[in-house]
Amino acid sequence: MIKRYVDGEPAAVLLERRWFAAFKAASGVRTECEALLESMAITQTAWSRARVRLSELEAMRDARCTGRRARCVG
């Protein structure tokens, strides 16, 4: 019979392999979370700017509608 595990118990080697696999998976997920966080920040900034622009456009529309005309014509 050939002994596969030269440097330690089979359970210890398996545990070590699982630990490294879990560490690698966690690192990958951490990288993904960081990318998503950056994307969320960019999206939040764009959303805020769009809301400001929308408010400006609505204010211009409303100011035009409340001028001389009794009712606003698109």
N, C-alpha and C. Protein backbone atom coordinates (compact mmCIF):
# COMPACT_ATOMS: atom_id res chain seq x y z
N MET A 1 0.84 -1.17 0.00
CA MET A 1 0.00 0.00 0.00
C MET A 1 0.89 1.25 0.00
N ILE A 2 0.48 2.25 -0.79
CA ILE A 2 1.24 3.50 -0.89
C ILE A 2 0.63 4.52 0.05
N LYS A 3 1.49 5.17 0.83
CA LYS A 3 1.01 6.20 1.75
C LYS A 3 0.99 7.54 1.00
N ARG A 4 -0.17 8.15 0.89
CA ARG A 4 -0.32 9.40 0.15
C ARG A 4 0.14 10.61 0.95
N TYR A 5 -0.04 10.62 2.23
CA TYR A 5 0.26 11.77 3.07
C TYR A 5 1.57 11.54 3.80
N VAL A 6 2.61 12.19 3.32
CA VAL A 6 3.93 11.99 3.89
C VAL A 6 4.14 12.90 5.10
N ASP A 7 3.67 14.14 5.02
CA ASP A 7 3.94 15.14 6.06
C ASP A 7 2.78 15.33 7.01
N GLY A 8 2.28 14.32 7.61
CA GLY A 8 1.24 14.52 8.61
C GLY A 8 0.05 13.63 8.42
N GLU A 9 -0.87 13.81 9.30
CA GLU A 9 -2.09 13.03 9.31
C GLU A 9 -2.96 13.40 8.12
N PRO A 10 -3.69 12.45 7.57
CA PRO A 10 -4.60 12.75 6.46
C PRO A 10 -5.64 13.81 6.82
N ALA A 11 -6.15 13.77 8.03
CA ALA A 11 -7.16 14.75 8.44
C ALA A 11 -6.56 16.15 8.51
N ALA A 12 -5.33 16.26 8.97
CA ALA A 12 -4.67 17.57 9.07
C ALA A 12 -4.41 18.15 7.68
N VAL A 13 -4.00 17.29 6.78
CA VAL A 13 -3.75 17.75 5.41
C VAL A 13 -5.05 18.21 4.77
N LEU A 14 -6.10 17.45 4.95
CA LEU A 14 -7.40 17.81 4.40
C LEU A 14 -7.90 19.13 5.00
N LEU A 15 -7.73 19.29 6.31
CA LEU A 15 -8.13 20.52 6.98
C LEU A 15 -7.36 21.72 6.42
N GLU A 16 -6.06 21.53 6.21
CA GLU A 16 -5.24 22.61 5.66
C GLU A 16 -5.70 22.97 4.25
N ARG A 17 -5.99 22.00 3.44
CA ARG A 17 -6.48 22.27 2.08
C ARG A 17 -7.81 23.01 2.11
N ARG A 18 -8.69 22.58 2.98
CA ARG A 18 -9.99 23.27 3.10
C ARG A 18 -9.81 24.70 3.58
N TRP A 19 -8.88 24.92 4.52
CA TRP A 19 -8.64 26.27 5.02
C TRP A 19 -8.16 27.17 3.89
N PHE A 20 -7.20 26.71 3.09
CA PHE A 20 -6.70 27.51 1.99
C PHE A 20 -7.79 27.75 0.93
N ALA A 21 -8.62 26.76 0.69
CA ALA A 21 -9.72 26.94 -0.27
C ALA A 21 -10.71 27.99 0.24
N ALA A 22 -11.02 27.93 1.53
CA ALA A 22 -11.94 28.91 2.12
C ALA A 22 -11.32 30.31 2.10
N PHE A 23 -10.03 30.41 2.37
CA PHE A 23 -9.34 31.69 2.35
C PHE A 23 -9.37 32.28 0.94
N LYS A 24 -9.12 31.46 -0.05
CA LYS A 24 -9.14 31.92 -1.45
C LYS A 24 -10.55 32.37 -1.84
N ALA A 25 -11.56 31.61 -1.44
CA ALA A 25 -12.95 31.98 -1.76
C ALA A 25 -13.32 33.29 -1.08
N ALA A 26 -12.93 33.46 0.17
CA ALA A 26 -13.23 34.69 0.90
C ALA A 26 -12.54 35.88 0.25
N SER A 27 -11.32 35.69 -0.21
CA SER A 27 -10.60 36.78 -0.89
C SER A 27 -11.32 37.19 -2.16
N GLY A 28 -11.82 36.22 -2.89
CA GLY A 28 -12.57 36.51 -4.12
C GLY A 28 -13.85 37.28 -3.83
N VAL A 29 -14.55 36.87 -2.81
CA VAL A 29 -15.79 37.56 -2.44
C VAL A 29 -15.49 38.96 -1.92
N ARG A 30 -14.40 39.12 -1.19
CA ARG A 30 -14.01 40.45 -0.70
C ARG A 30 -13.73 41.39 -1.88
N THR A 31 -13.04 40.90 -2.88
CA THR A 31 -12.76 41.69 -4.07
C THR A 31 -14.05 42.08 -4.77
N GLU A 32 -14.98 41.15 -4.88
CA GLU A 32 -16.28 41.43 -5.49
C GLU A 32 -17.05 42.48 -4.69
N CYS A 33 -17.02 42.38 -3.38
CA CYS A 33 -17.71 43.36 -2.52
C CYS A 33 -17.12 44.75 -2.70
N GLU A 34 -15.81 44.84 -2.77
CA GLU A 34 -15.17 46.14 -2.98
C GLU A 34 -15.57 46.75 -4.31
N ALA A 35 -15.63 45.92 -5.36
CA ALA A 35 -16.04 46.42 -6.68
C ALA A 35 -17.50 46.89 -6.64
N LEU A 36 -18.35 46.14 -5.97
CA LEU A 36 -19.75 46.53 -5.86
C LEU A 36 -19.92 47.81 -5.05
N LEU A 37 -19.14 47.96 -4.01
CA LEU A 37 -19.19 49.17 -3.20
C LEU A 37 -18.81 50.39 -4.02
N GLU A 38 -17.77 50.26 -4.82
CA GLU A 38 -17.35 51.36 -5.70
C GLU A 38 -18.45 51.67 -6.71
N SER A 39 -19.03 50.64 -7.28
CA SER A 39 -20.11 50.83 -8.24
C SER A 39 -21.31 51.52 -7.60
N MET A 40 -21.62 51.14 -6.36
CA MET A 40 -22.74 51.78 -5.65
C MET A 40 -22.46 53.26 -5.40
N ALA A 41 -21.22 53.59 -5.08
CA ALA A 41 -20.87 54.99 -4.85
C ALA A 41 -21.02 55.81 -6.13
N ILE A 42 -20.59 55.25 -7.25
CA ILE A 42 -20.72 55.93 -8.54
C ILE A 42 -22.19 56.10 -8.89
N THR A 43 -22.97 55.06 -8.66
CA THR A 43 -24.41 55.11 -8.95
C THR A 43 -25.10 56.14 -8.06
N GLN A 44 -24.73 56.20 -6.80
CA GLN A 44 -25.33 57.17 -5.87
C GLN A 44 -25.04 58.59 -6.33
N THR A 45 -23.82 58.85 -6.75
CA THR A 45 -23.45 60.18 -7.24
C THR A 45 -24.26 60.54 -8.48
N ALA A 46 -24.36 59.61 -9.42
CA ALA A 46 -25.12 59.86 -10.65
C ALA A 46 -26.59 60.09 -10.33
N TRP A 47 -27.14 59.30 -9.41
CA TRP A 47 -28.55 59.45 -9.01
C TRP A 47 -28.79 60.82 -8.39
N SER A 48 -27.88 61.24 -7.51
CA SER A 48 -28.03 62.54 -6.86
C SER A 48 -27.99 63.67 -7.88
N ARG A 49 -27.09 63.59 -8.82
CA ARG A 49 -27.00 64.62 -9.86
C ARG A 49 -28.26 64.65 -10.72
N ALA A 50 -28.78 63.47 -11.04
CA ALA A 50 -30.00 63.40 -11.85
C ALA A 50 -31.19 64.00 -11.10
N ARG A 51 -31.26 63.74 -9.79
CA ARG A 51 -32.35 64.32 -8.99
C ARG A 51 -32.27 65.85 -8.95
N VAL A 52 -31.06 66.38 -8.83
CA VAL A 52 -30.88 67.83 -8.82
C VAL A 52 -31.30 68.40 -10.17
N ARG A 53 -30.88 67.75 -11.23
CA ARG A 53 -31.24 68.22 -12.58
C ARG A 53 -32.75 68.14 -12.79
N LEU A 54 -33.37 67.09 -12.31
CA LEU A 54 -34.82 66.96 -12.42
C LEU A 54 -35.52 68.09 -11.67
N SER A 55 -35.05 68.39 -10.48
CA SER A 55 -35.64 69.49 -9.70
C SER A 55 -35.50 70.81 -10.44
N GLU A 56 -34.34 71.04 -11.03
CA GLU A 56 -34.13 72.28 -11.80
C GLU A 56 -35.09 72.36 -12.98
N LEU A 57 -35.22 71.27 -13.71
CA LEU A 57 -36.11 71.26 -14.87
C LEU A 57 -37.57 71.43 -14.46
N GLU A 58 -37.98 70.79 -13.37
CA GLU A 58 -39.35 70.95 -12.89
C GLU A 58 -39.61 72.38 -12.43
N ALA A 59 -38.62 72.99 -11.80
CA ALA A 59 -38.77 74.38 -11.36
C ALA A 59 -38.92 75.30 -12.57
N MET A 60 -38.13 75.07 -13.60
CA MET A 60 -38.25 75.87 -14.82
C MET A 60 -39.62 75.68 -15.47
N ARG A 61 -40.08 74.45 -15.50
CA ARG A 61 -41.40 74.14 -16.06
C ARG A 61 -42.49 74.84 -15.27
N ASP A 62 -42.42 74.73 -13.96
CA ASP A 62 -43.44 75.33 -13.11
C ASP A 62 -43.41 76.85 -13.18
N ALA A 63 -42.24 77.44 -13.27
CA ALA A 63 -42.14 78.89 -13.38
C ALA A 63 -42.75 79.36 -14.69
N ARG A 64 -42.56 78.61 -15.73
CA ARG A 64 -43.11 78.94 -17.05
C ARG A 64 -44.63 78.83 -17.03
N CYS A 65 -45.14 77.84 -16.31
CA CYS A 65 -46.58 77.60 -16.26
C CYS A 65 -47.31 78.62 -15.40
N THR A 66 -46.62 79.19 -14.41
CA THR A 66 -47.30 80.13 -13.53
C THR A 66 -47.12 81.58 -13.98
N GLY A 67 -46.55 81.75 -15.13
CA GLY A 67 -46.32 83.10 -15.66
C GLY A 67 -47.63 83.75 -16.11
N ARG A 68 -47.69 84.23 -17.32
CA ARG A 68 -48.86 84.95 -17.84
C ARG A 68 -50.02 84.03 -18.16
N ARG A 69 -49.69 82.79 -18.45
CA ARG A 69 -50.75 81.86 -18.85
C ARG A 69 -51.49 81.33 -17.63
N ALA A 70 -52.76 81.15 -17.79
CA ALA A 70 -53.55 80.59 -16.71
C ALA A 70 -53.31 79.09 -16.60
N ARG A 71 -52.99 78.53 -17.72
CA ARG A 71 -52.74 77.10 -17.69
C ARG A 71 -51.53 76.79 -18.55
N CYS A 72 -50.82 75.77 -18.17
CA CYS A 72 -49.57 75.41 -18.85
C CYS A 72 -49.88 74.54 -20.06
N VAL A 73 -49.25 74.89 -21.17
CA VAL A 73 -49.38 74.08 -22.37
C VAL A 73 -48.02 73.47 -22.62
N GLY A 74 -47.92 72.13 -22.36
CA GLY A 74 -46.72 71.36 -22.48
C GLY A 74 -45.64 71.96 -23.17
